[in-house]
Amino acid sequence: MQSVWITGASSGIGAECAYRYAAEGARLVLTSSSADRLEAVAEGCRSLGASEVTVLPYDLSCPDGMDSLADKAWEAVGGIDIVMLNAGISQRTNVEDTSMDMIRKIMEINYFAPVAIAKALLPKMIGRGGGKMAVTTSIAGRFGFPLRCGYSSSKFALYGFFETLQAEYHDSGIGVTIVCPGRVRTNISRYALDKGGMPHGKLDPGQMNGMPAEAAARIITDAVRKGRREVLVGRKELLMVYIKRFFPGLCAVMSRKINPM
């Protein structure tokens, strides 16, 4: 019976991954900033057969309590077999309209929080023989994307940290799966930050027409189970990852013409 901790578990990919693990009878710890939405997901997990569900709300933009949060998650289920570092926030502002405060907030939630949790769990996992970490990046972490300067930066940074973690701790039993979604039908655009740091409040057409979160969760949980190093999740937009790899100049031209909404 696996113990799984999921951040960003109150909706979208995080919630759907929670439901999949619940159906397998896992012990779950669910974290997001919204206690009410977490409770609703927790009830769904219990009804699907989760053996235990702990709701652990936390605002991941607050760095000081991260070690304590990790300790509580670990103790709640007697150790974490899989941590899914999925929480994140996006933006809809160009470079000139993106304040440094906004960039710092995005980096705190998208980069520093998963890094802090990974560092807190790492020695615990090694001490019990290993564990798995899955971290949600984005195709915007593989190439620059309009209206996403802070978001894209945070996702690029995740690749650097977690690829290093992969290399250093593979022989210690730590598996790392880097999850790279394209457009998935979630609420991330609704909560993305507009000019002034206010929620965008809209489900963008690109998001609306993306892969269903349930389908994405199936791909992600299968990839974690198989120990894949990286998994791309999405549809035709994933071609941009390969265009960047083999034709970087063409990717740069195409990126200028992408509809970022």
Protein backbone atom coordinates (compact mmCIF):
# COMPACT_ATOMS: atom_id res chain seq x y z
CA MET A 1 0.00 0.00 0.00
CA GLN A 2 1.60 3.23 -1.18
CA SER A 3 1.74 6.55 0.66
CA VAL A 4 1.42 9.50 -1.71
CA TRP A 5 1.70 13.23 -1.01
CA ILE A 6 0.31 15.54 -3.71
CA THR A 7 0.65 19.32 -3.75
CA GLY A 8 -1.75 21.34 -5.87
CA ALA A 9 -4.28 18.62 -5.11
CA SER A 10 -7.46 20.72 -4.94
CA SER A 11 -8.18 20.66 -8.69
CA GLY A 12 -6.89 19.75 -12.13
CA ILE A 13 -4.00 17.35 -12.55
CA GLY A 14 -3.34 17.09 -8.80
CA ALA A 15 -6.93 16.14 -7.96
CA GLU A 16 -7.16 13.63 -10.80
CA CYS A 17 -3.88 11.98 -9.75
CA ALA A 18 -5.26 11.77 -6.21
CA TYR A 19 -8.36 9.98 -7.50
CA ARG A 20 -6.25 7.47 -9.41
CA TYR A 21 -4.13 6.65 -6.38
CA ALA A 22 -7.26 6.52 -4.19
CA ALA A 23 -8.75 3.86 -6.45
CA GLU A 24 -5.61 1.78 -5.77
CA GLY A 25 -6.18 2.06 -2.01
CA ALA A 26 -3.27 4.42 -1.35
CA ARG A 27 -2.73 6.48 1.79
CA LEU A 28 -2.94 10.08 0.67
CA VAL A 29 -1.78 13.48 1.90
CA LEU A 30 -3.35 16.35 -0.03
CA THR A 31 -2.01 19.90 -0.01
CA SER A 32 -3.09 23.19 -1.57
CA SER A 33 -3.93 26.68 -0.36
CA SER A 34 -7.69 26.02 -0.50
CA ALA A 35 -8.91 23.98 2.48
CA ASP A 36 -12.50 23.83 1.22
CA ARG A 37 -11.61 22.48 -2.22
CA LEU A 38 -9.16 20.02 -0.65
CA GLU A 39 -11.90 18.64 1.58
CA ALA A 40 -14.09 18.02 -1.47
CA VAL A 41 -11.28 16.15 -3.22
CA ALA A 42 -10.57 14.19 -0.02
CA GLU A 43 -14.19 13.04 0.15
CA GLY A 44 -13.98 11.90 -3.45
CA CYS A 45 -10.79 9.97 -2.66
CA ARG A 46 -12.39 8.25 0.33
CA SER A 47 -15.37 7.20 -1.75
CA LEU A 48 -13.01 5.70 -4.36
CA GLY A 49 -11.28 3.51 -1.78
CA ALA A 50 -8.32 5.44 -0.38
CA SER A 51 -7.25 3.70 2.81
CA GLU A 52 -6.44 7.03 4.47
CA VAL A 53 -6.66 10.68 3.45
CA THR A 54 -5.00 13.57 5.30
CA VAL A 55 -5.80 17.13 4.28
CA LEU A 56 -2.85 19.45 4.84
CA PRO A 57 -3.65 22.98 3.56
CA TYR A 58 -0.69 25.31 3.09
CA ASP A 59 0.18 28.46 1.14
CA LEU A 60 3.34 27.45 -0.71
CA SER A 61 4.32 31.08 -1.21
CA CYS A 62 5.32 31.08 2.50
CA PRO A 63 8.80 29.53 2.70
CA ASP A 64 9.35 29.50 6.46
CA GLY A 65 7.07 26.57 7.25
CA MET A 66 8.20 24.21 4.52
CA ASP A 67 10.28 21.84 6.68
CA SER A 68 7.45 21.60 9.20
CA LEU A 69 4.98 20.91 6.39
CA ALA A 70 7.14 18.06 5.09
CA ASP A 71 7.45 16.60 8.59
CA LYS A 72 3.67 16.69 9.06
CA ALA A 73 3.06 15.00 5.71
CA TRP A 74 5.62 12.30 6.49
CA GLU A 75 4.26 11.61 9.94
CA ALA A 76 0.62 11.61 8.80
CA VAL A 77 1.07 8.40 6.80
CA GLY A 78 4.20 6.95 8.35
CA GLY A 79 6.51 7.87 5.47
CA ILE A 80 6.09 9.02 1.87
CA ASP A 81 6.64 6.60 -1.01
CA ILE A 82 5.71 9.08 -3.76
CA VAL A 83 5.62 12.87 -3.64
CA MET A 84 3.96 14.69 -6.54
CA LEU A 85 5.17 18.30 -6.58
CA ASN A 86 2.38 19.63 -8.74
CA ALA A 87 1.32 23.01 -7.29
CA GLY A 88 1.92 26.03 -9.47
CA ILE A 89 0.78 29.48 -10.55
CA SER A 90 0.99 31.14 -13.96
CA GLN A 91 0.74 34.67 -15.35
CA ARG A 92 -0.62 36.63 -18.31
CA THR A 93 1.69 39.67 -18.43
CA ASN A 94 4.54 40.78 -20.69
CA VAL A 95 7.99 41.56 -19.30
CA GLU A 96 7.33 45.30 -18.85
CA ASP A 97 4.10 44.69 -16.93
CA THR A 98 5.52 41.93 -14.74
CA SER A 99 6.67 43.34 -11.41
CA MET A 100 9.55 41.85 -9.49
CA ASP A 101 7.10 41.02 -6.71
CA MET A 102 5.09 38.92 -9.18
CA ILE A 103 8.21 37.13 -10.41
CA ARG A 104 9.25 36.40 -6.82
CA LYS A 105 5.81 35.03 -5.97
CA ILE A 106 5.80 32.76 -9.02
CA MET A 107 9.32 31.54 -8.24
CA GLU A 108 8.40 30.93 -4.60
CA ILE A 109 5.44 28.71 -5.45
CA ASN A 110 6.69 27.05 -8.64
CA TYR A 111 10.39 26.61 -7.85
CA PHE A 112 11.45 27.21 -4.27
CA ALA A 113 8.52 25.30 -2.72
CA PRO A 114 9.10 22.02 -4.61
CA VAL A 115 12.84 22.34 -4.10
CA ALA A 116 12.37 22.84 -0.35
CA ILE A 117 10.00 19.89 -0.09
CA ALA A 118 12.33 17.66 -2.10
CA LYS A 119 15.28 18.61 0.12
CA ALA A 120 13.25 17.97 3.27
CA LEU A 121 12.06 14.55 2.10
CA LEU A 122 15.28 13.38 0.47
CA PRO A 123 17.17 12.16 3.58
CA LYS A 124 13.98 10.57 4.95
CA MET A 125 13.43 8.67 1.70
CA ILE A 126 17.04 7.55 1.49
CA GLY A 127 16.86 6.40 5.13
CA ARG A 128 13.99 4.04 4.37
CA GLY A 129 15.50 2.67 1.17
CA GLY A 130 14.26 5.09 -1.49
CA GLY A 131 11.22 6.80 -2.89
CA LYS A 132 9.81 8.56 -5.93
CA MET A 133 9.49 12.26 -6.72
CA ALA A 134 7.40 13.63 -9.58
CA VAL A 135 7.62 17.33 -10.38
CA THR A 136 5.32 19.22 -12.76
CA THR A 137 7.16 21.53 -15.10
CA SER A 138 5.72 22.67 -18.46
CA ILE A 139 6.58 22.93 -22.13
CA ALA A 140 7.08 26.59 -21.16
CA GLY A 141 10.10 25.26 -19.29
CA ARG A 142 11.56 24.00 -22.57
CA PHE A 143 11.22 27.19 -24.62
CA GLY A 144 10.31 30.82 -23.94
CA PHE A 145 6.60 31.52 -24.18
CA PRO A 146 4.86 34.94 -24.58
CA LEU A 147 3.24 36.42 -21.45
CA ARG A 148 5.00 33.85 -19.25
CA CYS A 149 8.40 35.37 -18.35
CA GLY A 150 8.19 34.50 -14.63
CA TYR A 151 6.32 31.24 -15.17
CA SER A 152 8.68 30.05 -17.89
CA SER A 153 11.72 30.97 -15.78
CA SER A 154 10.42 28.95 -12.83
CA LYS A 155 9.80 25.91 -15.02
CA PHE A 156 13.25 26.12 -16.64
CA ALA A 157 14.73 26.22 -13.14
CA LEU A 158 12.89 23.06 -12.09
CA TYR A 159 14.61 21.16 -14.89
CA GLY A 160 18.03 22.19 -13.64
CA PHE A 161 17.38 21.18 -10.05
CA PHE A 162 15.55 17.92 -10.60
CA GLU A 163 17.80 16.66 -13.38
CA THR A 164 20.69 17.18 -10.96
CA LEU A 165 18.78 15.34 -8.24
CA GLN A 166 18.17 12.50 -10.71
CA ALA A 167 21.88 12.22 -11.42
CA GLU A 168 23.09 12.45 -7.82
CA TYR A 169 20.63 10.14 -6.06
CA HIS A 170 19.68 7.48 -8.61
CA ASP A 171 21.93 4.96 -6.89
CA SER A 172 20.35 5.82 -3.53
CA GLY A 173 16.96 4.57 -4.66
CA ILE A 174 15.46 7.98 -5.50
CA GLY A 175 13.43 7.98 -8.70
CA VAL A 176 12.59 11.33 -10.30
CA THR A 177 9.94 11.79 -12.98
CA ILE A 178 9.83 15.21 -14.62
CA VAL A 179 6.29 15.86 -15.85
CA CYS A 180 6.11 18.25 -18.80
CA PRO A 181 2.52 19.19 -19.69
CA GLY A 182 1.41 21.16 -22.68
CA ARG A 183 -2.16 22.36 -22.69
CA VAL A 184 -4.26 20.48 -20.17
CA ARG A 185 -7.84 21.43 -19.27
CA THR A 186 -7.34 22.83 -15.77
CA ASN A 187 -8.06 26.08 -13.94
CA ILE A 188 -4.47 27.33 -14.08
CA SER A 189 -5.40 30.18 -16.44
CA ARG A 190 -8.22 31.32 -14.13
CA TYR A 191 -5.75 31.86 -11.28
CA ALA A 192 -2.91 33.18 -13.45
CA LEU A 193 -1.71 36.64 -12.45
CA ASP A 194 -2.66 39.62 -14.60
CA LYS A 195 -1.19 43.12 -14.43
CA GLY A 196 -1.35 44.29 -10.83
CA GLY A 197 -1.16 40.72 -9.54
CA MET A 198 -4.90 40.07 -9.89
CA PRO A 199 -6.32 36.72 -11.05
CA HIS A 200 -6.81 36.47 -14.80
CA GLY A 201 -10.24 34.97 -14.10
CA LYS A 202 -10.71 33.29 -17.48
CA LEU A 203 -10.36 29.80 -18.87
CA ASP A 204 -8.33 30.55 -21.98
CA PRO A 205 -9.41 28.86 -25.25
CA GLY A 206 -6.09 27.01 -25.43
CA GLN A 207 -6.69 25.61 -21.96
CA MET A 208 -10.33 24.84 -22.72
CA ASN A 209 -9.34 22.76 -25.74
CA GLY A 210 -6.49 21.00 -23.99
CA MET A 211 -6.19 17.40 -22.91
CA PRO A 212 -8.66 16.50 -20.13
CA ALA A 213 -6.99 16.47 -16.71
CA GLU A 214 -8.20 12.91 -16.12
CA ALA A 215 -6.35 11.69 -19.23
CA ALA A 216 -3.25 13.62 -18.20
CA ALA A 217 -3.33 12.04 -14.73
CA ARG A 218 -3.47 8.56 -16.23
CA ILE A 219 -0.34 9.26 -18.31
CA ILE A 220 1.47 10.82 -15.34
CA THR A 221 0.72 8.10 -12.78
CA ASP A 222 1.68 5.40 -15.29
CA ALA A 223 4.97 7.20 -15.96
CA VAL A 224 5.75 7.44 -12.23
CA ARG A 225 4.94 3.75 -11.74
CA LYS A 226 7.27 2.80 -14.60
CA GLY A 227 10.04 5.06 -13.29
CA ARG A 228 10.26 7.18 -16.42
CA ARG A 229 12.77 10.03 -16.30
CA GLU A 230 10.49 12.46 -18.15
CA VAL A 231 6.98 12.37 -19.56
CA LEU A 232 5.41 14.79 -22.05
CA VAL A 233 1.68 15.28 -21.55
CA GLY A 234 -0.56 16.90 -24.10
CA ARG A 235 -1.41 16.90 -27.78
CA LYS A 236 -0.01 18.50 -30.94
CA GLU A 237 1.54 21.39 -28.97
CA LEU A 238 4.17 18.93 -27.73
CA LEU A 239 5.74 19.07 -31.22
CA MET A 240 7.29 22.37 -30.12
CA VAL A 241 9.54 20.48 -27.71
CA TYR A 242 11.06 18.52 -30.60
CA ILE A 243 11.22 21.58 -32.86
CA LYS A 244 13.20 23.36 -30.12
CA ARG A 245 15.55 20.38 -29.81
CA PHE A 246 16.31 19.96 -33.51
CA PHE A 247 15.45 23.36 -35.05
CA PRO A 248 15.97 26.01 -32.33
CA GLY A 249 15.89 28.92 -34.78
CA LEU A 250 12.54 27.80 -36.18
CA CYS A 251 11.23 27.38 -32.64
CA ALA A 252 12.20 30.99 -31.85
CA VAL A 253 10.26 32.24 -34.87
CA MET A 254 7.22 30.08 -34.07
CA SER A 255 7.26 31.17 -30.41
CA ARG A 256 6.79 34.80 -31.47
CA LYS A 257 3.56 33.84 -33.25
CA ILE A 258 2.01 31.62 -30.55
CA ASN A 259 -1.34 32.77 -29.22
CA PRO A 260 -0.48 32.84 -25.49
CA MET A 261 -4.10 32.73 -24.32
